Amino acid sequence: MNTAVARLQRQFQDYIVSLYQQGFLDNQFTELRNLQDEGTPDFVSEVVSLFFDDCAKLIKNMSRSLEQPENVDFKQVDSGVHQLKGSSSSVGARRVKNVCISFKECCDVQNREGCLRCLQQVDYEYKVLKTKLQDLFKLEQRILQAGGTIPQVDI
């Protein structure tokens, strides 16, 4: 095997392990990766891309709902949090999911300031994860372009 490919594969393994160790991902992401095969080589990146598109829309909608201090529709915000928590759980976005748990608690007690803090935190976590996964997918492409295969990583 070519040393450049081996180096890229090792970099990939180290990077994905770090994403788990730092709490960005959980085992659901592994399950998602296991569904990808030669017939659907872009399955994970496509699912994750849809997740990020949904995140952006949900965050924008929740932000709009929280803009009016005297007229917050906490049920609508809670519905967005519920959707975001579900989709983050299904792709293995652990930090996003964890913020949603706190966010829901703030919705339950109609704590607007707490909701605004959680909204800011979920926006931050989703953007950081998006950047990290885009880097991971680029690394996968570099491995494939160099003639290698994506290594299985045991977490």
N, C-alpha and C. Protein backbone atom coordinates (compact mmCIF):
# COMPACT_ATOMS: atom_id res chain seq x y z
N MET A 1 0.84 -1.18 0.00
CA MET A 1 0.00 0.00 0.00
C MET A 1 0.88 1.24 0.00
N ASN A 2 0.47 2.20 -0.72
CA ASN A 2 1.12 3.48 -0.85
C ASN A 2 1.18 4.18 0.53
N THR A 3 2.34 4.76 0.86
CA THR A 3 2.50 5.40 2.18
C THR A 3 1.62 6.63 2.33
N ALA A 4 1.35 7.35 1.23
CA ALA A 4 0.47 8.52 1.31
C ALA A 4 -0.95 8.08 1.69
N VAL A 5 -1.42 6.99 1.10
CA VAL A 5 -2.75 6.47 1.42
C VAL A 5 -2.78 6.00 2.88
N ALA A 6 -1.76 5.29 3.29
CA ALA A 6 -1.69 4.81 4.68
C ALA A 6 -1.72 5.98 5.66
N ARG A 7 -1.02 7.04 5.31
CA ARG A 7 -0.99 8.22 6.18
C ARG A 7 -2.38 8.87 6.26
N LEU A 8 -3.05 8.98 5.12
CA LEU A 8 -4.40 9.54 5.09
C LEU A 8 -5.38 8.67 5.88
N GLN A 9 -5.24 7.36 5.73
CA GLN A 9 -6.13 6.45 6.46
C GLN A 9 -5.92 6.57 7.97
N ARG A 10 -4.67 6.69 8.37
CA ARG A 10 -4.36 6.86 9.80
C ARG A 10 -4.91 8.19 10.31
N GLN A 11 -4.77 9.22 9.50
CA GLN A 11 -5.30 10.54 9.85
C GLN A 11 -6.82 10.46 10.01
N PHE A 12 -7.46 9.75 9.11
CA PHE A 12 -8.91 9.56 9.17
C PHE A 12 -9.30 8.86 10.47
N GLN A 13 -8.61 7.77 10.77
CA GLN A 13 -8.92 7.01 11.99
C GLN A 13 -8.75 7.88 13.23
N ASP A 14 -7.64 8.60 13.31
CA ASP A 14 -7.38 9.46 14.47
C ASP A 14 -8.44 10.56 14.58
N TYR A 15 -8.81 11.12 13.44
CA TYR A 15 -9.77 12.22 13.45
C TYR A 15 -11.15 11.75 13.90
N ILE A 16 -11.60 10.63 13.38
CA ILE A 16 -12.93 10.15 13.75
C ILE A 16 -12.96 9.72 15.22
N VAL A 17 -11.89 9.10 15.70
CA VAL A 17 -11.81 8.74 17.12
C VAL A 17 -11.90 10.00 17.97
N SER A 18 -11.22 11.06 17.57
CA SER A 18 -11.25 12.31 18.34
C SER A 18 -12.66 12.90 18.38
N LEU A 19 -13.42 12.75 17.30
CA LEU A 19 -14.80 13.26 17.28
C LEU A 19 -15.67 12.53 18.31
N TYR A 20 -15.42 11.26 18.49
CA TYR A 20 -16.14 10.50 19.51
C TYR A 20 -15.63 10.87 20.90
N GLN A 21 -14.34 10.91 21.07
CA GLN A 21 -13.76 11.23 22.38
C GLN A 21 -14.17 12.61 22.87
N GLN A 22 -14.29 13.56 21.96
CA GLN A 22 -14.68 14.92 22.34
C GLN A 22 -16.19 15.09 22.48
N GLY A 23 -16.93 14.02 22.26
CA GLY A 23 -18.37 14.04 22.46
C GLY A 23 -19.17 14.62 21.31
N PHE A 24 -18.56 14.84 20.16
CA PHE A 24 -19.32 15.35 19.03
C PHE A 24 -20.25 14.29 18.46
N LEU A 25 -19.79 13.04 18.46
CA LEU A 25 -20.54 11.93 17.86
C LEU A 25 -20.79 10.83 18.88
N ASP A 26 -21.83 10.02 18.61
CA ASP A 26 -22.07 8.84 19.42
C ASP A 26 -22.24 7.62 18.50
N ASN A 27 -22.61 6.50 19.08
CA ASN A 27 -22.67 5.25 18.32
C ASN A 27 -23.68 5.28 17.17
N GLN A 28 -24.64 6.16 17.22
CA GLN A 28 -25.60 6.23 16.12
C GLN A 28 -24.91 6.64 14.82
N PHE A 29 -23.87 7.45 14.92
CA PHE A 29 -23.11 7.81 13.72
C PHE A 29 -22.43 6.58 13.14
N THR A 30 -21.94 5.71 14.00
CA THR A 30 -21.34 4.44 13.55
C THR A 30 -22.38 3.61 12.82
N GLU A 31 -23.58 3.54 13.38
CA GLU A 31 -24.66 2.78 12.74
C GLU A 31 -24.99 3.37 11.36
N LEU A 32 -25.00 4.68 11.28
CA LEU A 32 -25.25 5.35 10.01
C LEU A 32 -24.16 4.99 8.99
N ARG A 33 -22.91 5.03 9.44
CA ARG A 33 -21.79 4.67 8.55
C ARG A 33 -21.89 3.23 8.08
N ASN A 34 -22.40 2.35 8.94
CA ASN A 34 -22.54 0.93 8.58
C ASN A 34 -23.58 0.71 7.48
N LEU A 35 -24.49 1.66 7.30
CA LEU A 35 -25.50 1.55 6.25
C LEU A 35 -24.96 1.93 4.87
N GLN A 36 -23.82 2.59 4.86
CA GLN A 36 -23.21 3.01 3.60
C GLN A 36 -22.47 1.84 2.97
N ASP A 37 -22.61 1.69 1.66
CA ASP A 37 -21.88 0.64 0.97
C ASP A 37 -21.47 1.15 -0.42
N GLU A 38 -20.92 0.26 -1.22
CA GLU A 38 -20.45 0.67 -2.56
C GLU A 38 -21.58 1.20 -3.43
N GLY A 39 -22.79 0.71 -3.22
CA GLY A 39 -23.94 1.16 -4.00
C GLY A 39 -24.42 2.56 -3.60
N THR A 40 -24.10 2.95 -2.39
CA THR A 40 -24.50 4.28 -1.89
C THR A 40 -23.30 4.93 -1.19
N PRO A 41 -22.27 5.26 -1.96
CA PRO A 41 -21.03 5.75 -1.36
C PRO A 41 -21.14 7.10 -0.66
N ASP A 42 -22.17 7.89 -0.99
CA ASP A 42 -22.34 9.20 -0.38
C ASP A 42 -23.49 9.24 0.62
N PHE A 43 -23.94 8.07 1.04
CA PHE A 43 -25.12 7.99 1.91
C PHE A 43 -24.96 8.84 3.17
N VAL A 44 -23.87 8.68 3.90
CA VAL A 44 -23.70 9.39 5.16
C VAL A 44 -23.62 10.90 4.93
N SER A 45 -22.83 11.31 3.97
CA SER A 45 -22.70 12.75 3.73
C SER A 45 -24.03 13.36 3.29
N GLU A 46 -24.83 12.61 2.54
CA GLU A 46 -26.13 13.12 2.12
C GLU A 46 -27.09 13.23 3.29
N VAL A 47 -27.12 12.23 4.15
CA VAL A 47 -28.00 12.26 5.33
C VAL A 47 -27.57 13.40 6.27
N VAL A 48 -26.29 13.52 6.47
CA VAL A 48 -25.77 14.57 7.36
C VAL A 48 -26.05 15.96 6.76
N SER A 49 -25.94 16.09 5.45
CA SER A 49 -26.23 17.36 4.79
C SER A 49 -27.70 17.75 5.00
N LEU A 50 -28.59 16.79 4.87
CA LEU A 50 -30.02 17.05 5.13
C LEU A 50 -30.23 17.46 6.59
N PHE A 51 -29.53 16.80 7.50
CA PHE A 51 -29.61 17.14 8.92
C PHE A 51 -29.19 18.59 9.14
N PHE A 52 -28.08 19.00 8.53
CA PHE A 52 -27.61 20.37 8.72
C PHE A 52 -28.57 21.39 8.10
N ASP A 53 -29.17 21.05 6.97
CA ASP A 53 -30.18 21.93 6.37
C ASP A 53 -31.36 22.10 7.32
N ASP A 54 -31.82 20.97 7.90
CA ASP A 54 -32.93 21.03 8.85
C ASP A 54 -32.55 21.84 10.09
N CYS A 55 -31.33 21.64 10.57
CA CYS A 55 -30.86 22.40 11.74
C CYS A 55 -30.97 23.89 11.49
N ALA A 56 -30.48 24.33 10.37
CA ALA A 56 -30.49 25.76 10.05
C ALA A 56 -31.92 26.30 10.04
N LYS A 57 -32.83 25.56 9.42
CA LYS A 57 -34.23 25.99 9.36
C LYS A 57 -34.87 26.01 10.74
N LEU A 58 -34.65 24.96 11.51
CA LEU A 58 -35.24 24.89 12.85
C LEU A 58 -34.70 25.99 13.75
N ILE A 59 -33.41 26.23 13.69
CA ILE A 59 -32.80 27.28 14.52
C ILE A 59 -33.35 28.65 14.13
N LYS A 60 -33.49 28.88 12.85
CA LYS A 60 -34.05 30.15 12.38
C LYS A 60 -35.48 30.32 12.87
N ASN A 61 -36.29 29.28 12.77
CA ASN A 61 -37.68 29.34 13.21
C ASN A 61 -37.78 29.55 14.72
N MET A 62 -36.94 28.85 15.48
CA MET A 62 -36.98 29.01 16.94
C MET A 62 -36.52 30.40 17.33
N SER A 63 -35.53 30.91 16.63
CA SER A 63 -35.04 32.26 16.90
C SER A 63 -36.16 33.28 16.69
N ARG A 64 -36.89 33.12 15.60
CA ARG A 64 -38.01 34.02 15.31
C ARG A 64 -39.07 33.93 16.41
N SER A 65 -39.32 32.72 16.88
CA SER A 65 -40.33 32.53 17.92
C SER A 65 -39.92 33.17 19.24
N LEU A 66 -38.63 33.25 19.48
CA LEU A 66 -38.14 33.79 20.75
C LEU A 66 -37.87 35.30 20.69
N GLU A 67 -38.05 35.91 19.53
CA GLU A 67 -37.74 37.34 19.37
C GLU A 67 -38.64 38.24 20.21
N GLN A 68 -39.89 37.89 20.33
CA GLN A 68 -40.86 38.73 21.03
C GLN A 68 -40.90 38.38 22.51
N PRO A 69 -40.31 39.21 23.38
CA PRO A 69 -40.23 38.88 24.80
C PRO A 69 -41.58 38.61 25.47
N GLU A 70 -42.62 39.34 25.08
CA GLU A 70 -43.92 39.19 25.75
C GLU A 70 -44.82 38.17 25.07
N ASN A 71 -44.41 37.69 23.92
CA ASN A 71 -45.33 36.87 23.14
C ASN A 71 -44.65 35.61 22.60
N VAL A 72 -43.89 34.91 23.43
CA VAL A 72 -43.19 33.70 22.99
C VAL A 72 -44.15 32.52 22.96
N ASP A 73 -44.17 31.83 21.84
CA ASP A 73 -44.96 30.60 21.71
C ASP A 73 -44.05 29.43 22.09
N PHE A 74 -44.04 29.11 23.39
CA PHE A 74 -43.13 28.07 23.87
C PHE A 74 -43.47 26.70 23.30
N LYS A 75 -44.75 26.47 22.96
CA LYS A 75 -45.11 25.19 22.34
C LYS A 75 -44.46 25.05 20.98
N GLN A 76 -44.43 26.15 20.23
CA GLN A 76 -43.79 26.12 18.90
C GLN A 76 -42.28 25.92 19.05
N VAL A 77 -41.67 26.61 20.00
CA VAL A 77 -40.23 26.45 20.24
C VAL A 77 -39.95 25.01 20.66
N ASP A 78 -40.77 24.49 21.57
CA ASP A 78 -40.59 23.12 22.05
C ASP A 78 -40.72 22.12 20.90
N SER A 79 -41.63 22.37 19.98
CA SER A 79 -41.79 21.49 18.82
C SER A 79 -40.51 21.47 17.99
N GLY A 80 -39.91 22.64 17.78
CA GLY A 80 -38.64 22.72 17.05
C GLY A 80 -37.52 22.00 17.78
N VAL A 81 -37.48 22.17 19.10
CA VAL A 81 -36.46 21.49 19.91
C VAL A 81 -36.64 19.98 19.79
N HIS A 82 -37.89 19.54 19.85
CA HIS A 82 -38.19 18.11 19.75
C HIS A 82 -37.72 17.55 18.40
N GLN A 83 -37.99 18.27 17.32
CA GLN A 83 -37.55 17.83 15.99
C GLN A 83 -36.03 17.79 15.91
N LEU A 84 -35.39 18.82 16.44
CA LEU A 84 -33.93 18.90 16.41
C LEU A 84 -33.30 17.79 17.24
N LYS A 85 -33.89 17.52 18.39
CA LYS A 85 -33.37 16.45 19.25
C LYS A 85 -33.49 15.10 18.54
N GLY A 86 -34.62 14.88 17.90
CA GLY A 86 -34.82 13.61 17.19
C GLY A 86 -33.87 13.43 16.03
N SER A 87 -33.71 14.48 15.23
CA SER A 87 -32.82 14.34 14.07
C SER A 87 -31.36 14.26 14.50
N SER A 88 -30.99 14.99 15.55
CA SER A 88 -29.60 14.91 16.02
C SER A 88 -29.31 13.52 16.60
N SER A 89 -30.31 12.94 17.25
CA SER A 89 -30.15 11.57 17.77
C SER A 89 -29.96 10.58 16.64
N SER A 90 -30.71 10.76 15.54
CA SER A 90 -30.62 9.78 14.46
C SER A 90 -29.34 9.84 13.66
N VAL A 91 -28.62 10.97 13.70
CA VAL A 91 -27.34 11.02 12.99
C VAL A 91 -26.15 10.90 13.94
N GLY A 92 -26.43 10.82 15.24
CA GLY A 92 -25.34 10.66 16.20
C GLY A 92 -24.67 11.96 16.60
N ALA A 93 -25.38 13.08 16.47
CA ALA A 93 -24.84 14.39 16.84
C ALA A 93 -25.03 14.59 18.35
N ARG A 94 -24.15 14.01 19.11
CA ARG A 94 -24.31 13.91 20.56
C ARG A 94 -24.40 15.27 21.27
N ARG A 95 -23.51 16.20 20.95
CA ARG A 95 -23.53 17.50 21.64
C ARG A 95 -24.79 18.28 21.31
N VAL A 96 -25.21 18.23 20.07
CA VAL A 96 -26.44 18.92 19.67
C VAL A 96 -27.61 18.34 20.45
N LYS A 97 -27.69 17.02 20.49
CA LYS A 97 -28.76 16.34 21.22
C LYS A 97 -28.76 16.73 22.69
N ASN A 98 -27.58 16.78 23.30
CA ASN A 98 -27.49 17.12 24.72
C ASN A 98 -27.95 18.54 25.01
N VAL A 99 -27.63 19.47 24.14
CA VAL A 99 -28.11 20.85 24.32
C VAL A 99 -29.64 20.88 24.20
N CYS A 100 -30.18 20.08 23.31
CA CYS A 100 -31.63 20.03 23.14
C CYS A 100 -32.34 19.57 24.41
N ILE A 101 -31.70 18.71 25.18
CA ILE A 101 -32.30 18.26 26.45
C ILE A 101 -32.46 19.44 27.40
N SER A 102 -31.42 20.25 27.54
CA SER A 102 -31.50 21.45 28.38
C SER A 102 -32.50 22.45 27.80
N PHE A 103 -32.50 22.58 26.49
CA PHE A 103 -33.38 23.51 25.79
C PHE A 103 -34.84 23.16 26.09
N LYS A 104 -35.16 21.87 26.05
CA LYS A 104 -36.52 21.42 26.31
C LYS A 104 -36.93 21.77 27.73
N GLU A 105 -36.00 21.60 28.68
CA GLU A 105 -36.30 21.94 30.07
C GLU A 105 -36.64 23.43 30.20
N CYS A 106 -35.92 24.28 29.49
CA CYS A 106 -36.21 25.72 29.51
C CYS A 106 -37.57 26.02 28.89
N CYS A 107 -37.91 25.29 27.83
CA CYS A 107 -39.24 25.46 27.22
C CYS A 107 -40.33 25.05 28.20
N ASP A 108 -40.11 23.93 28.89
CA ASP A 108 -41.12 23.41 29.81
C ASP A 108 -41.48 24.41 30.90
N VAL A 109 -40.50 25.18 31.37
CA VAL A 109 -40.76 26.17 32.43
C VAL A 109 -40.91 27.58 31.86
N GLN A 110 -40.97 27.68 30.54
CA GLN A 110 -41.16 28.94 29.82
C GLN A 110 -40.11 29.99 30.22
N ASN A 111 -38.87 29.54 30.25
CA ASN A 111 -37.73 30.41 30.58
C ASN A 111 -37.14 30.93 29.28
N ARG A 112 -37.56 32.12 28.88
CA ARG A 112 -37.11 32.69 27.61
C ARG A 112 -35.61 32.89 27.57
N GLU A 113 -35.04 33.45 28.65
CA GLU A 113 -33.59 33.68 28.68
C GLU A 113 -32.82 32.37 28.57
N GLY A 114 -33.28 31.34 29.27
CA GLY A 114 -32.66 30.02 29.16
C GLY A 114 -32.77 29.46 27.75
N CYS A 115 -33.94 29.67 27.14
CA CYS A 115 -34.14 29.21 25.76
C CYS A 115 -33.19 29.94 24.81
N LEU A 116 -33.02 31.24 25.02
CA LEU A 116 -32.11 32.00 24.16
C LEU A 116 -30.67 31.51 24.31
N ARG A 117 -30.26 31.20 25.54
CA ARG A 117 -28.90 30.67 25.76
C ARG A 117 -28.75 29.31 25.08
N CYS A 118 -29.76 28.46 25.22
CA CYS A 118 -29.70 27.14 24.60
C CYS A 118 -29.71 27.25 23.07
N LEU A 119 -30.50 28.19 22.56
CA LEU A 119 -30.54 28.41 21.12
C LEU A 119 -29.15 28.80 20.61
N GLN A 120 -28.51 29.69 21.33
CA GLN A 120 -27.15 30.12 20.95
C GLN A 120 -26.19 28.93 21.01
N GLN A 121 -26.32 28.12 22.05
CA GLN A 121 -25.43 26.96 22.21
C GLN A 121 -25.68 25.90 21.14
N VAL A 122 -26.94 25.63 20.82
CA VAL A 122 -27.24 24.62 19.80
C VAL A 122 -26.76 25.11 18.43
N ASP A 123 -26.89 26.40 18.18
CA ASP A 123 -26.40 26.97 16.92
C ASP A 123 -24.89 26.80 16.83
N TYR A 124 -24.20 27.07 17.92
CA TYR A 124 -22.74 26.92 17.95
C TYR A 124 -22.35 25.45 17.73
N GLU A 125 -22.97 24.54 18.48
CA GLU A 125 -22.62 23.11 18.38
C GLU A 125 -22.89 22.56 16.99
N TYR A 126 -23.99 22.96 16.40
CA TYR A 126 -24.29 22.45 15.06
C TYR A 126 -23.27 22.97 14.04
N LYS A 127 -22.87 24.22 14.17
CA LYS A 127 -21.90 24.78 13.23
C LYS A 127 -20.52 24.15 13.39
N VAL A 128 -20.11 23.90 14.63
CA VAL A 128 -18.82 23.25 14.86
C VAL A 128 -18.85 21.83 14.29
N LEU A 129 -19.92 21.10 14.57
CA LEU A 129 -20.04 19.74 14.05
C LEU A 129 -20.06 19.73 12.53
N LYS A 130 -20.76 20.68 11.94
CA LYS A 130 -20.82 20.75 10.48
C LYS A 130 -19.42 20.90 9.90
N THR A 131 -18.63 21.79 10.46
CA THR A 131 -17.26 22.00 9.99
C THR A 131 -16.43 20.73 10.15
N LYS A 132 -16.56 20.09 11.30
CA LYS A 132 -15.77 18.89 11.57
C LYS A 132 -16.15 17.74 10.63
N LEU A 133 -17.44 17.57 10.38
CA LEU A 133 -17.86 16.49 9.49
C LEU A 133 -17.53 16.80 8.04
N GLN A 134 -17.59 18.06 7.66
CA GLN A 134 -17.15 18.41 6.31
C GLN A 134 -15.67 18.08 6.13
N ASP A 135 -14.87 18.34 7.17
CA ASP A 135 -13.45 17.98 7.11
C ASP A 135 -13.28 16.46 7.00
N LEU A 136 -14.09 15.72 7.75
CA LEU A 136 -14.03 14.26 7.70
C LEU A 136 -14.37 13.75 6.30
N PHE A 137 -15.42 14.30 5.70
CA PHE A 137 -15.83 13.87 4.37
C PHE A 137 -14.78 14.23 3.32
N LYS A 138 -14.14 15.37 3.48
CA LYS A 138 -13.05 15.75 2.56
C LYS A 138 -11.89 14.77 2.68
N LEU A 139 -11.59 14.36 3.90
CA LEU A 139 -10.52 13.39 4.13
C LEU A 139 -10.89 12.05 3.47
N GLU A 140 -12.15 11.66 3.59
CA GLU A 140 -12.59 10.43 2.91
C GLU A 140 -12.35 10.54 1.40
N GLN A 141 -12.72 11.68 0.83
CA GLN A 141 -12.53 11.88 -0.61
C GLN A 141 -11.06 11.82 -1.01
N ARG A 142 -10.21 12.40 -0.18
CA ARG A 142 -8.77 12.36 -0.47
C ARG A 142 -8.26 10.93 -0.47
N ILE A 143 -8.74 10.12 0.47
CA ILE A 143 -8.33 8.71 0.53
C ILE A 143 -8.77 7.99 -0.74
N LEU A 144 -10.03 8.17 -1.13
CA LEU A 144 -10.55 7.51 -2.33
C LEU A 144 -9.84 7.97 -3.59
N GLN A 145 -9.58 9.27 -3.68
CA GLN A 145 -8.88 9.81 -4.86
C GLN A 145 -7.45 9.29 -4.95
N ALA A 146 -6.85 8.97 -3.80
CA ALA A 146 -5.49 8.44 -3.79
C ALA A 146 -5.47 6.93 -4.04
N GLY A 147 -6.67 6.34 -4.26
CA GLY A 147 -6.74 4.91 -4.56
C GLY A 147 -6.91 4.03 -3.35
N GLY A 148 -7.17 4.61 -2.19
CA GLY A 148 -7.35 3.83 -0.97
C GLY A 148 -8.81 3.54 -0.67
N THR A 149 -9.04 2.84 0.41
CA THR A 149 -10.38 2.55 0.89
C THR A 149 -10.53 3.21 2.26
N ILE A 150 -11.77 3.50 2.60
CA ILE A 150 -12.05 4.12 3.90
C ILE A 150 -11.93 3.03 4.97
N PRO A 151 -11.05 3.26 5.95
CA PRO A 151 -10.87 2.23 6.97
C PRO A 151 -12.05 2.16 7.95
N GLN A 152 -12.32 0.95 8.42
CA GLN A 152 -13.29 0.79 9.49
C GLN A 152 -12.61 1.24 10.78
N VAL A 153 -13.37 1.93 11.61
CA VAL A 153 -12.82 2.43 12.85
C VAL A 153 -13.64 1.88 13.99
N ASP A 154 -12.98 1.17 14.90
CA ASP A 154 -13.65 0.63 16.08
C ASP A 154 -13.60 1.66 17.18
N ILE A 155 -14.77 2.03 17.65
CA ILE A 155 -14.86 3.03 18.71
C ILE A 155 -15.23 2.34 20.02
